[in-house]
N, C-alpha and C. Protein backbone atom coordinates (compact mmCIF):
# COMPACT_ATOMS: atom_id res chain seq x y z
N MET A 1 67.87 106.73 85.91
CA MET A 1 68.70 107.04 87.05
C MET A 1 69.75 105.94 87.20
N THR A 2 70.99 106.31 87.36
CA THR A 2 72.04 105.32 87.52
C THR A 2 72.38 105.16 88.98
N MET A 3 72.77 103.97 89.33
CA MET A 3 73.17 103.67 90.69
C MET A 3 74.61 104.09 90.88
N PRO A 4 74.96 104.59 92.05
CA PRO A 4 76.36 104.93 92.28
C PRO A 4 77.21 103.68 92.25
N GLN A 5 78.39 103.81 91.63
CA GLN A 5 79.28 102.67 91.55
C GLN A 5 80.03 102.51 92.85
N THR A 6 80.12 101.29 93.29
CA THR A 6 80.91 100.98 94.47
C THR A 6 81.97 99.97 94.07
N SER A 7 83.06 100.00 94.77
CA SER A 7 84.10 99.03 94.49
C SER A 7 83.61 97.66 94.91
N PRO A 8 84.00 96.63 94.16
CA PRO A 8 83.61 95.29 94.56
C PRO A 8 84.15 94.97 95.95
N GLU A 9 83.45 94.14 96.65
CA GLU A 9 83.87 93.72 97.97
C GLU A 9 85.18 92.93 97.85
N PRO A 10 86.22 93.32 98.60
CA PRO A 10 87.49 92.62 98.48
C PRO A 10 87.37 91.18 98.98
N ARG A 11 87.99 90.27 98.27
CA ARG A 11 87.96 88.86 98.66
C ARG A 11 89.05 88.55 99.68
N SER A 12 89.91 89.50 99.92
CA SER A 12 91.05 89.28 100.81
C SER A 12 90.66 89.27 102.28
N GLY A 13 89.50 89.81 102.61
CA GLY A 13 89.08 89.90 103.99
C GLY A 13 89.75 91.03 104.74
N LEU A 14 90.42 91.93 104.03
CA LEU A 14 91.08 93.06 104.67
C LEU A 14 90.07 94.09 105.13
N ASP A 15 90.32 94.66 106.27
CA ASP A 15 89.49 95.72 106.80
C ASP A 15 89.53 96.92 105.84
N PRO A 16 88.41 97.59 105.61
CA PRO A 16 88.40 98.74 104.69
C PRO A 16 89.41 99.83 105.06
N SER A 17 89.66 100.04 106.35
CA SER A 17 90.64 101.06 106.74
C SER A 17 92.05 100.63 106.36
N VAL A 18 92.33 99.33 106.41
CA VAL A 18 93.64 98.81 105.99
C VAL A 18 93.77 98.98 104.48
N LEU A 19 92.71 98.69 103.76
CA LEU A 19 92.73 98.88 102.31
C LEU A 19 92.98 100.34 101.94
N ASP A 20 92.34 101.25 102.66
CA ASP A 20 92.55 102.68 102.41
C ASP A 20 93.99 103.07 102.64
N GLU A 21 94.58 102.57 103.72
CA GLU A 21 95.98 102.87 104.02
C GLU A 21 96.90 102.32 102.93
N LEU A 22 96.65 101.09 102.51
CA LEU A 22 97.48 100.48 101.47
C LEU A 22 97.29 101.20 100.14
N ARG A 23 96.07 101.62 99.82
CA ARG A 23 95.83 102.38 98.59
C ARG A 23 96.63 103.68 98.61
N THR A 24 96.62 104.36 99.75
CA THR A 24 97.39 105.60 99.88
C THR A 24 98.88 105.34 99.67
N ARG A 25 99.39 104.28 100.26
CA ARG A 25 100.80 103.94 100.08
C ARG A 25 101.12 103.60 98.63
N LEU A 26 100.22 102.91 97.97
CA LEU A 26 100.43 102.58 96.55
C LEU A 26 100.40 103.83 95.69
N LEU A 27 99.50 104.76 95.98
CA LEU A 27 99.45 106.01 95.22
C LEU A 27 100.72 106.83 95.42
N GLU A 28 101.23 106.83 96.64
CA GLU A 28 102.50 107.52 96.90
C GLU A 28 103.65 106.85 96.15
N ALA A 29 103.64 105.53 96.13
CA ALA A 29 104.68 104.79 95.40
C ALA A 29 104.58 105.10 93.90
N ARG A 30 103.36 105.21 93.39
CA ARG A 30 103.17 105.55 91.98
C ARG A 30 103.84 106.88 91.67
N GLU A 31 103.59 107.89 92.49
CA GLU A 31 104.19 109.21 92.27
C GLU A 31 105.71 109.16 92.36
N PHE A 32 106.22 108.42 93.32
CA PHE A 32 107.67 108.27 93.48
C PHE A 32 108.29 107.68 92.22
N HIS A 33 107.72 106.59 91.73
CA HIS A 33 108.28 105.92 90.56
C HIS A 33 108.11 106.75 89.30
N LEU A 34 107.00 107.45 89.17
CA LEU A 34 106.83 108.33 88.02
C LEU A 34 107.91 109.41 87.99
N SER A 35 108.25 109.95 89.16
CA SER A 35 109.29 110.98 89.20
C SER A 35 110.65 110.39 88.85
N ARG A 36 110.93 109.16 89.30
CA ARG A 36 112.20 108.50 88.97
C ARG A 36 112.28 108.22 87.47
N ILE A 37 111.19 107.83 86.87
CA ILE A 37 111.17 107.56 85.43
C ILE A 37 111.42 108.85 84.67
N GLU A 38 110.77 109.91 85.11
CA GLU A 38 110.95 111.21 84.44
C GLU A 38 112.40 111.68 84.56
N GLU A 39 112.98 111.53 85.74
CA GLU A 39 114.37 111.93 85.94
C GLU A 39 115.31 111.11 85.06
N GLY A 40 115.00 109.83 84.90
CA GLY A 40 115.87 108.95 84.13
C GLY A 40 115.69 109.06 82.64
N SER A 41 114.59 109.66 82.20
CA SER A 41 114.33 109.74 80.76
C SER A 41 115.33 110.64 80.05
N ASP A 42 115.86 111.61 80.76
CA ASP A 42 116.84 112.51 80.17
C ASP A 42 118.27 112.19 80.61
N ALA A 43 118.41 111.13 81.36
CA ALA A 43 119.72 110.80 81.93
C ALA A 43 120.70 110.32 80.87
N VAL A 44 121.93 110.62 81.12
CA VAL A 44 122.99 110.17 80.23
C VAL A 44 123.87 109.11 80.89
N ASP A 45 123.70 108.92 82.20
CA ASP A 45 124.55 107.92 82.85
C ASP A 45 123.79 106.62 83.09
N ASP A 46 124.52 105.54 83.17
CA ASP A 46 123.93 104.21 83.31
C ASP A 46 123.17 104.02 84.61
N ILE A 47 123.64 104.63 85.67
CA ILE A 47 122.98 104.46 86.97
C ILE A 47 121.58 105.08 86.94
N ALA A 48 121.45 106.28 86.43
CA ALA A 48 120.14 106.93 86.36
C ALA A 48 119.20 106.15 85.45
N ARG A 49 119.72 105.62 84.35
CA ARG A 49 118.87 104.82 83.45
C ARG A 49 118.44 103.53 84.13
N ALA A 50 119.33 102.92 84.91
CA ALA A 50 118.99 101.69 85.63
C ALA A 50 117.92 101.95 86.68
N ILE A 51 118.04 103.07 87.38
CA ILE A 51 117.03 103.43 88.38
C ILE A 51 115.68 103.67 87.70
N ALA A 52 115.70 104.35 86.58
CA ALA A 52 114.45 104.60 85.85
C ALA A 52 113.83 103.30 85.37
N SER A 53 114.67 102.38 84.92
CA SER A 53 114.17 101.08 84.45
C SER A 53 113.53 100.30 85.58
N ARG A 54 114.17 100.30 86.74
CA ARG A 54 113.61 99.60 87.90
C ARG A 54 112.29 100.26 88.31
N SER A 55 112.23 101.58 88.22
CA SER A 55 111.00 102.27 88.57
C SER A 55 109.88 101.95 87.59
N GLU A 56 110.21 101.73 86.33
CA GLU A 56 109.18 101.33 85.36
C GLU A 56 108.58 99.99 85.75
N THR A 57 109.42 99.05 86.15
CA THR A 57 108.94 97.73 86.58
C THR A 57 108.10 97.87 87.85
N ALA A 58 108.60 98.65 88.81
CA ALA A 58 107.87 98.84 90.06
C ALA A 58 106.54 99.53 89.82
N LEU A 59 106.52 100.48 88.90
CA LEU A 59 105.28 101.18 88.57
C LEU A 59 104.24 100.21 88.01
N GLU A 60 104.67 99.28 87.18
CA GLU A 60 103.75 98.27 86.65
C GLU A 60 103.15 97.45 87.78
N GLU A 61 103.96 97.10 88.78
CA GLU A 61 103.47 96.33 89.93
C GLU A 61 102.47 97.14 90.75
N VAL A 62 102.76 98.41 90.95
CA VAL A 62 101.87 99.29 91.70
C VAL A 62 100.55 99.46 90.95
N GLU A 63 100.63 99.69 89.65
CA GLU A 63 99.40 99.85 88.85
C GLU A 63 98.56 98.58 88.89
N ALA A 64 99.20 97.42 88.84
CA ALA A 64 98.47 96.16 88.91
C ALA A 64 97.77 96.00 90.26
N ALA A 65 98.42 96.42 91.33
CA ALA A 65 97.81 96.34 92.66
C ALA A 65 96.62 97.29 92.76
N LEU A 66 96.77 98.50 92.24
CA LEU A 66 95.65 99.45 92.26
C LEU A 66 94.47 98.93 91.43
N GLN A 67 94.77 98.31 90.29
CA GLN A 67 93.70 97.74 89.47
C GLN A 67 93.01 96.59 90.20
N ALA A 68 93.80 95.79 90.91
CA ALA A 68 93.22 94.68 91.68
C ALA A 68 92.30 95.21 92.78
N MET A 69 92.65 96.36 93.35
CA MET A 69 91.75 96.97 94.34
C MET A 69 90.43 97.33 93.69
N GLU A 70 90.51 97.89 92.49
CA GLU A 70 89.28 98.26 91.77
C GLU A 70 88.46 97.03 91.40
N ASP A 71 89.14 95.94 91.07
CA ASP A 71 88.47 94.71 90.65
C ASP A 71 87.94 93.90 91.83
N GLY A 72 88.41 94.22 93.03
CA GLY A 72 88.03 93.44 94.20
C GLY A 72 88.86 92.20 94.40
N THR A 73 89.99 92.10 93.70
CA THR A 73 90.84 90.92 93.82
C THR A 73 92.13 91.19 94.58
N TYR A 74 92.29 92.42 95.08
CA TYR A 74 93.51 92.78 95.80
C TYR A 74 93.65 91.90 97.03
N GLY A 75 94.86 91.42 97.24
CA GLY A 75 95.14 90.60 98.41
C GLY A 75 94.88 89.13 98.19
N THR A 76 94.53 88.75 96.96
CA THR A 76 94.32 87.36 96.62
C THR A 76 95.51 86.88 95.79
N CYS A 77 96.13 85.79 96.22
CA CYS A 77 97.31 85.25 95.54
C CYS A 77 96.96 84.84 94.11
N LEU A 78 97.76 85.30 93.17
CA LEU A 78 97.52 84.96 91.76
C LEU A 78 97.82 83.50 91.45
N SER A 79 98.59 82.86 92.31
CA SER A 79 98.97 81.47 92.05
C SER A 79 97.99 80.48 92.66
N CYS A 80 97.72 80.61 93.96
CA CYS A 80 96.89 79.61 94.65
C CYS A 80 95.48 80.09 94.97
N GLY A 81 95.24 81.41 94.86
CA GLY A 81 93.91 81.95 95.13
C GLY A 81 93.62 82.21 96.59
N LYS A 82 94.57 81.92 97.48
CA LYS A 82 94.38 82.19 98.90
C LYS A 82 94.75 83.64 99.20
N SER A 83 94.50 84.05 100.42
CA SER A 83 94.83 85.41 100.83
C SER A 83 96.35 85.61 100.86
N VAL A 84 96.79 86.76 100.38
CA VAL A 84 98.21 87.11 100.45
C VAL A 84 98.58 87.36 101.91
N GLY A 85 97.67 87.88 102.68
CA GLY A 85 97.89 88.12 104.10
C GLY A 85 98.20 89.58 104.37
N GLU A 86 97.55 90.10 105.41
CA GLU A 86 97.72 91.51 105.74
C GLU A 86 99.16 91.85 106.09
N GLU A 87 99.84 90.99 106.83
CA GLU A 87 101.22 91.28 107.22
C GLU A 87 102.12 91.43 105.98
N ARG A 88 101.95 90.54 105.01
CA ARG A 88 102.75 90.62 103.78
C ARG A 88 102.40 91.88 102.99
N LEU A 89 101.11 92.22 102.92
CA LEU A 89 100.70 93.42 102.19
C LEU A 89 101.18 94.69 102.88
N GLN A 90 101.25 94.67 104.21
CA GLN A 90 101.80 95.82 104.91
C GLN A 90 103.27 96.01 104.56
N ALA A 91 103.99 94.89 104.40
CA ALA A 91 105.41 94.95 104.05
C ALA A 91 105.61 95.27 102.57
N ILE A 92 104.78 94.67 101.72
CA ILE A 92 104.90 94.83 100.26
C ILE A 92 103.48 95.05 99.71
N PRO A 93 103.01 96.30 99.69
CA PRO A 93 101.62 96.56 99.28
C PRO A 93 101.28 96.08 97.87
N HIS A 94 102.27 95.91 97.02
CA HIS A 94 102.00 95.45 95.65
C HIS A 94 102.19 93.94 95.49
N ALA A 95 102.33 93.21 96.60
CA ALA A 95 102.52 91.75 96.54
C ALA A 95 101.35 91.09 95.82
N ARG A 96 101.67 90.21 94.90
CA ARG A 96 100.63 89.52 94.14
C ARG A 96 100.58 88.04 94.46
N LEU A 97 101.58 87.58 95.23
CA LEU A 97 101.65 86.18 95.64
C LEU A 97 101.71 86.10 97.16
N CYS A 98 101.12 85.04 97.72
CA CYS A 98 101.26 84.81 99.16
C CYS A 98 102.71 84.40 99.41
N ALA A 99 103.10 84.37 100.67
CA ALA A 99 104.49 84.06 101.02
C ALA A 99 104.89 82.67 100.52
N SER A 100 104.00 81.69 100.65
CA SER A 100 104.33 80.32 100.21
C SER A 100 104.58 80.26 98.72
N CYS A 101 103.72 80.87 97.93
CA CYS A 101 103.87 80.84 96.47
C CYS A 101 105.08 81.67 96.03
N ALA A 102 105.32 82.80 96.70
CA ALA A 102 106.48 83.61 96.37
C ALA A 102 107.77 82.86 96.65
N SER A 103 107.78 82.13 97.78
CA SER A 103 108.95 81.35 98.14
C SER A 103 109.16 80.21 97.14
N ALA A 104 108.09 79.55 96.74
CA ALA A 104 108.19 78.46 95.76
C ALA A 104 108.69 78.98 94.42
N THR A 105 108.22 80.17 94.03
CA THR A 105 108.65 80.77 92.77
C THR A 105 110.13 81.13 92.82
N ALA A 106 110.58 81.65 93.96
CA ALA A 106 111.99 82.05 94.10
C ALA A 106 112.92 80.85 94.06
N ARG A 107 112.45 79.69 94.50
CA ARG A 107 113.29 78.48 94.51
C ARG A 107 113.46 77.89 93.11
N ARG A 108 112.61 78.24 92.19
CA ARG A 108 112.69 77.65 90.84
C ARG A 108 113.85 78.16 90.07
């Protein structure tokens, strides 16, 4: 008999209902970017190709966030290991760095 699989407990300290909301937003973003990539794959103009390219990058970020949810590491800064923070995740659900580390990275 196998035990039912459960997602690892998130280290971010986020409420499960907040995680569910953010997961839903990430899944919606995934669909949005997939449609933009599909539209741009047949495009002949530079603007459509640029939009598709940006969506490919954004899709990678969304997929990484969804994988982090599965791994139980969602909401943990990849640089310092501290919480990214609920407010930042509400603004940018695919954020992988806390505000301090993101700011330090942008200054470089």
